[in-house]
């Protein structure tokens, strides 16, 4: 069974957010559309804020022991590992390369949607495993990621026409 500490979960979350920053920064640099560029810059800034929030949570988690799900969910650790391994952006280089290779705004936005969905899935899964004192902050980030999905979906519809 894959076992994580709360600190490791926060480290993974920091990595997810940094990859999002790399992707949105790359899209902003490549975009010729001023409105889309501004949206990508705003998304990158929000992801930077999430990095800071997860880093604070990591610091407060310290070196706590393993986080073990309840006995009714023995494969929960493997589920988390699968979410990590299947994420759209495995690292910041991959994120930047995908931004460069996107055929246009609709494709770039579809990739962003996938990454945001991956984030929501992972954060929702890790939420119940982190210290109780950090759950409200994780819930807040999940809410913001869900808003990103709604915003990106609206943009994709606009650029798919």
C-alpha atoms as a PDB file:
ATOM      1  CA  UNK A   1       0.000   0.000   0.000  1.00  0.00           C
ATOM      2  CA  UNK A   2       1.332   3.442  -0.919  1.00  0.00           C
ATOM      3  CA  UNK A   3       1.618   5.535   2.219  1.00  0.00           C
ATOM      4  CA  UNK A   4       2.254   9.269   2.362  1.00  0.00           C
ATOM      5  CA  UNK A   5       2.923  11.757   5.102  1.00  0.00           C
ATOM      6  CA  UNK A   6       0.893  14.973   5.199  1.00  0.00           C
ATOM      7  CA  UNK A   7       4.111  16.784   4.288  1.00  0.00           C
ATOM      8  CA  UNK A   8       4.562  14.630   1.187  1.00  0.00           C
ATOM      9  CA  UNK A   9       0.980  15.316   0.105  1.00  0.00           C
ATOM     10  CA  UNK A  10       1.602  19.053   0.450  1.00  0.00           C
ATOM     11  CA  UNK A  11       4.879  18.712  -1.485  1.00  0.00           C
ATOM     12  CA  UNK A  12       2.992  16.979  -4.305  1.00  0.00           C
ATOM     13  CA  UNK A  13       0.370  19.739  -4.248  1.00  0.00           C
ATOM     14  CA  UNK A  14       3.128  22.380  -4.491  1.00  0.00           C
ATOM     15  CA  UNK A  15       4.500  20.554  -7.538  1.00  0.00           C
ATOM     16  CA  UNK A  16       1.066  20.404  -9.174  1.00  0.00           C
ATOM     17  CA  UNK A  17       0.605  24.145  -8.684  1.00  0.00           C
ATOM     18  CA  UNK A  18       4.118  24.975  -9.946  1.00  0.00           C
ATOM     19  CA  UNK A  19       3.425  22.987 -13.085  1.00  0.00           C
ATOM     20  CA  UNK A  20       0.245  25.014 -13.538  1.00  0.00           C
ATOM     21  CA  UNK A  21       2.238  28.229 -13.164  1.00  0.00           C
ATOM     22  CA  UNK A  22       4.696  27.038 -15.834  1.00  0.00           C
ATOM     23  CA  UNK A  23       1.853  26.158 -18.197  1.00  0.00           C
ATOM     24  CA  UNK A  24      -0.104  29.388 -17.782  1.00  0.00           C
ATOM     25  CA  UNK A  25       3.050  31.547 -17.913  1.00  0.00           C
ATOM     26  CA  UNK A  26       4.056  29.827 -21.160  1.00  0.00           C
ATOM     27  CA  UNK A  27       0.593  30.318 -22.644  1.00  0.00           C
ATOM     28  CA  UNK A  28       0.635  33.991 -21.650  1.00  0.00           C
ATOM     29  CA  UNK A  29       4.009  34.492 -23.340  1.00  0.00           C
ATOM     30  CA  UNK A  30       2.818  32.745 -26.502  1.00  0.00           C
ATOM     31  CA  UNK A  31      -0.617  34.352 -26.728  1.00  0.00           C
ATOM     32  CA  UNK A  32      -1.253  37.020 -29.334  1.00  0.00           C
ATOM     33  CA  UNK A  33      -4.725  37.692 -27.937  1.00  0.00           C
ATOM     34  CA  UNK A  34      -4.552  40.391 -25.224  1.00  0.00           C
ATOM     35  CA  UNK A  35      -7.649  39.160 -23.378  1.00  0.00           C
ATOM     36  CA  UNK A  36      -6.499  35.555 -23.353  1.00  0.00           C
ATOM     37  CA  UNK A  37      -3.004  36.625 -22.289  1.00  0.00           C
ATOM     38  CA  UNK A  38      -4.474  38.524 -19.335  1.00  0.00           C
ATOM     39  CA  UNK A  39      -6.561  35.478 -18.348  1.00  0.00           C
ATOM     40  CA  UNK A  40      -3.510  33.204 -18.466  1.00  0.00           C
ATOM     41  CA  UNK A  41      -1.544  35.694 -16.363  1.00  0.00           C
ATOM     42  CA  UNK A  42      -4.348  35.797 -13.779  1.00  0.00           C
ATOM     43  CA  UNK A  43      -4.500  32.001 -13.655  1.00  0.00           C
ATOM     44  CA  UNK A  44      -0.714  31.809 -13.212  1.00  0.00           C
ATOM     45  CA  UNK A  45      -0.929  34.302 -10.359  1.00  0.00           C
ATOM     46  CA  UNK A  46      -3.668  32.298  -8.644  1.00  0.00           C
ATOM     47  CA  UNK A  47      -1.572  29.142  -8.966  1.00  0.00           C
ATOM     48  CA  UNK A  48       1.393  31.013  -7.426  1.00  0.00           C
ATOM     49  CA  UNK A  49      -0.820  31.900  -4.488  1.00  0.00           C
ATOM     50  CA  UNK A  50      -1.773  28.227  -4.149  1.00  0.00           C
ATOM     51  CA  UNK A  51       1.934  27.317  -4.091  1.00  0.00           C
ATOM     52  CA  UNK A  52       2.384  29.680  -1.151  1.00  0.00           C
ATOM     53  CA  UNK A  53      -0.658  28.300   0.657  1.00  0.00           C
ATOM     54  CA  UNK A  54       0.484  24.695   0.272  1.00  0.00           C
ATOM     55  CA  UNK A  55       4.008  25.640   1.364  1.00  0.00           C
ATOM     56  CA  UNK A  56       2.588  27.143   4.566  1.00  0.00           C
ATOM     57  CA  UNK A  57       0.561  24.004   5.164  1.00  0.00           C
ATOM     58  CA  UNK A  58       3.676  21.923   4.545  1.00  0.00           C
ATOM     59  CA  UNK A  59       5.591  23.914   7.126  1.00  0.00           C
ATOM     60  CA  UNK A  60       2.859  23.482   9.724  1.00  0.00           C
ATOM     61  CA  UNK A  61       2.598  19.741   9.012  1.00  0.00           C
ATOM     62  CA  UNK A  62       6.239  19.350  10.011  1.00  0.00           C
ATOM     63  CA  UNK A  63       7.502  15.802  10.036  1.00  0.00           C
ATOM     64  CA  UNK A  64       4.290  14.073  10.948  1.00  0.00           C
ATOM     65  CA  UNK A  65       4.104  10.336  10.446  1.00  0.00           C
ATOM     66  CA  UNK A  66       2.344   8.474   7.667  1.00  0.00           C
ATOM     67  CA  UNK A  67      -1.190   9.350   6.749  1.00  0.00           C
ATOM     68  CA  UNK A  68      -3.170   6.131   6.689  1.00  0.00           C
ATOM     69  CA  UNK A  69      -6.730   5.971   5.387  1.00  0.00           C
ATOM     70  CA  UNK A  70      -9.382   4.066   7.281  1.00  0.00           C
ATOM     71  CA  UNK A  71      -9.552   0.266   7.172  1.00  0.00           C
ATOM     72  CA  UNK A  72     -12.477   0.453   4.737  1.00  0.00           C
ATOM     73  CA  UNK A  73     -10.185   1.990   2.094  1.00  0.00           C
ATOM     74  CA  UNK A  74      -6.987  -0.105   1.992  1.00  0.00           C
ATOM     75  CA  UNK A  75      -6.127   0.910  -1.585  1.00  0.00           C
ATOM     76  CA  UNK A  76      -6.509   4.649  -1.009  1.00  0.00           C
ATOM     77  CA  UNK A  77      -2.758   5.206  -1.189  1.00  0.00           C
ATOM     78  CA  UNK A  78      -2.603   3.459  -4.550  1.00  0.00           C
ATOM     79  CA  UNK A  79      -5.488   5.622  -5.737  1.00  0.00           C
ATOM     80  CA  UNK A  80      -3.541   8.759  -4.790  1.00  0.00           C
ATOM     81  CA  UNK A  81      -0.423   7.410  -6.533  1.00  0.00           C
ATOM     82  CA  UNK A  82      -2.478   6.714  -9.678  1.00  0.00           C
ATOM     83  CA  UNK A  83      -3.844  10.274  -9.628  1.00  0.00           C
ATOM     84  CA  UNK A  84      -0.306  11.627  -9.373  1.00  0.00           C
ATOM     85  CA  UNK A  85       1.055   9.358 -12.101  1.00  0.00           C
ATOM     86  CA  UNK A  86      -1.770  10.129 -14.536  1.00  0.00           C
ATOM     87  CA  UNK A  87      -1.738  13.904 -14.210  1.00  0.00           C
ATOM     88  CA  UNK A  88      -1.652  15.980 -17.381  1.00  0.00           C
ATOM     89  CA  UNK A  89       1.476  17.890 -16.382  1.00  0.00           C
ATOM     90  CA  UNK A  90       4.063  15.595 -14.866  1.00  0.00           C
ATOM     91  CA  UNK A  91       6.590  18.402 -14.447  1.00  0.00           C
ATOM     92  CA  UNK A  92       7.128  22.033 -15.413  1.00  0.00           C
ATOM     93  CA  UNK A  93       9.091  21.164 -18.570  1.00  0.00           C
ATOM     94  CA  UNK A  94       6.227  18.995 -19.832  1.00  0.00           C
ATOM     95  CA  UNK A  95       3.806  21.817 -19.015  1.00  0.00           C
ATOM     96  CA  UNK A  96       5.857  24.354 -20.998  1.00  0.00           C
ATOM     97  CA  UNK A  97       6.271  21.945 -23.934  1.00  0.00           C
ATOM     98  CA  UNK A  98       2.536  21.257 -24.061  1.00  0.00           C
ATOM     99  CA  UNK A  99       1.832  24.995 -24.091  1.00  0.00           C
ATOM    100  CA  UNK A 100       4.185  25.437 -27.051  1.00  0.00           C
ATOM    101  CA  UNK A 101       2.708  22.509 -28.980  1.00  0.00           C
ATOM    102  CA  UNK A 102      -0.953  23.431 -28.498  1.00  0.00           C
ATOM    103  CA  UNK A 103      -2.519  23.935 -31.931  1.00  0.00           C
ATOM    104  CA  UNK A 104      -4.480  26.946 -30.757  1.00  0.00           C
ATOM    105  CA  UNK A 105      -6.432  28.428 -27.870  1.00  0.00           C
ATOM    106  CA  UNK A 106      -9.097  25.684 -27.839  1.00  0.00           C
ATOM    107  CA  UNK A 107      -6.492  22.926 -27.489  1.00  0.00           C
ATOM    108  CA  UNK A 108      -4.491  24.886 -24.903  1.00  0.00           C
ATOM    109  CA  UNK A 109      -7.661  25.457 -22.898  1.00  0.00           C
ATOM    110  CA  UNK A 110      -8.629  21.771 -23.129  1.00  0.00           C
ATOM    111  CA  UNK A 111      -5.239  20.795 -21.676  1.00  0.00           C
ATOM    112  CA  UNK A 112      -5.704  23.358 -18.913  1.00  0.00           C
ATOM    113  CA  UNK A 113      -9.141  21.905 -18.148  1.00  0.00           C
ATOM    114  CA  UNK A 114      -7.597  18.453 -17.804  1.00  0.00           C
ATOM    115  CA  UNK A 115      -4.950  19.749 -15.435  1.00  0.00           C
ATOM    116  CA  UNK A 116      -7.483  21.591 -13.291  1.00  0.00           C
ATOM    117  CA  UNK A 117      -9.698  18.499 -13.113  1.00  0.00           C
ATOM    118  CA  UNK A 118      -6.666  16.450 -12.049  1.00  0.00           C
ATOM    119  CA  UNK A 119      -5.956  19.010  -9.332  1.00  0.00           C
ATOM    120  CA  UNK A 120      -9.506  18.883  -7.978  1.00  0.00           C
ATOM    121  CA  UNK A 121      -9.439  15.080  -7.911  1.00  0.00           C
ATOM    122  CA  UNK A 122      -6.114  14.960  -6.087  1.00  0.00           C
ATOM    123  CA  UNK A 123      -6.922  17.709  -3.572  1.00  0.00           C
ATOM    124  CA  UNK A 124     -10.328  16.180  -2.868  1.00  0.00           C
ATOM    125  CA  UNK A 125      -8.685  12.829  -2.197  1.00  0.00           C
ATOM    126  CA  UNK A 126      -5.958  14.270   0.013  1.00  0.00           C
ATOM    127  CA  UNK A 127      -8.304  16.575   1.947  1.00  0.00           C
ATOM    128  CA  UNK A 128      -9.436  13.968   4.447  1.00  0.00           C
ATOM    129  CA  UNK A 129      -5.876  12.760   5.000  1.00  0.00           C
ATOM    130  CA  UNK A 130      -4.306  16.056   6.039  1.00  0.00           C
ATOM    131  CA  UNK A 131      -4.524  17.526   9.553  1.00  0.00           C
ATOM    132  CA  UNK A 132      -7.973  18.838  10.461  1.00  0.00           C
ATOM    133  CA  UNK A 133      -6.503  22.335  10.887  1.00  0.00           C
ATOM    134  CA  UNK A 134      -5.594  22.462   7.167  1.00  0.00           C
ATOM    135  CA  UNK A 135      -8.850  21.172   5.673  1.00  0.00           C
ATOM    136  CA  UNK A 136     -10.588  24.542   5.338  1.00  0.00           C
ATOM    137  CA  UNK A 137      -7.627  25.879   3.360  1.00  0.00           C
ATOM    138  CA  UNK A 138      -7.647  22.809   1.100  1.00  0.00           C
ATOM    139  CA  UNK A 139     -11.406  23.269   0.625  1.00  0.00           C
ATOM    140  CA  UNK A 140     -10.805  26.869  -0.400  1.00  0.00           C
ATOM    141  CA  UNK A 141      -8.216  25.846  -2.983  1.00  0.00           C
ATOM    142  CA  UNK A 142     -10.548  23.141  -4.318  1.00  0.00           C
ATOM    143  CA  UNK A 143     -13.234  25.809  -4.724  1.00  0.00           C
ATOM    144  CA  UNK A 144     -10.849  28.042  -6.657  1.00  0.00           C
ATOM    145  CA  UNK A 145      -9.779  25.153  -8.888  1.00  0.00           C
ATOM    146  CA  UNK A 146     -13.438  24.398  -9.599  1.00  0.00           C
ATOM    147  CA  UNK A 147     -13.921  28.037 -10.556  1.00  0.00           C
ATOM    148  CA  UNK A 148     -10.930  27.715 -12.906  1.00  0.00           C
ATOM    149  CA  UNK A 149     -12.699  24.771 -14.564  1.00  0.00           C
ATOM    150  CA  UNK A 150     -15.855  26.830 -15.075  1.00  0.00           C
ATOM    151  CA  UNK A 151     -13.888  29.809 -16.423  1.00  0.00           C
ATOM    152  CA  UNK A 152     -11.740  27.684 -18.719  1.00  0.00           C
ATOM    153  CA  UNK A 153     -14.789  25.840 -20.001  1.00  0.00           C
ATOM    154  CA  UNK A 154     -16.457  29.153 -20.899  1.00  0.00           C
ATOM    155  CA  UNK A 155     -13.305  30.323 -22.657  1.00  0.00           C
ATOM    156  CA  UNK A 156     -12.959  27.054 -24.548  1.00  0.00           C
ATOM    157  CA  UNK A 157     -16.532  27.374 -25.851  1.00  0.00           C
ATOM    158  CA  UNK A 158     -15.731  30.876 -27.035  1.00  0.00           C
ATOM    159  CA  UNK A 159     -12.508  29.857 -28.804  1.00  0.00           C
ATOM    160  CA  UNK A 160     -13.939  26.619 -30.271  1.00  0.00           C
ATOM    161  CA  UNK A 161     -16.384  28.510 -32.495  1.00  0.00           C
END
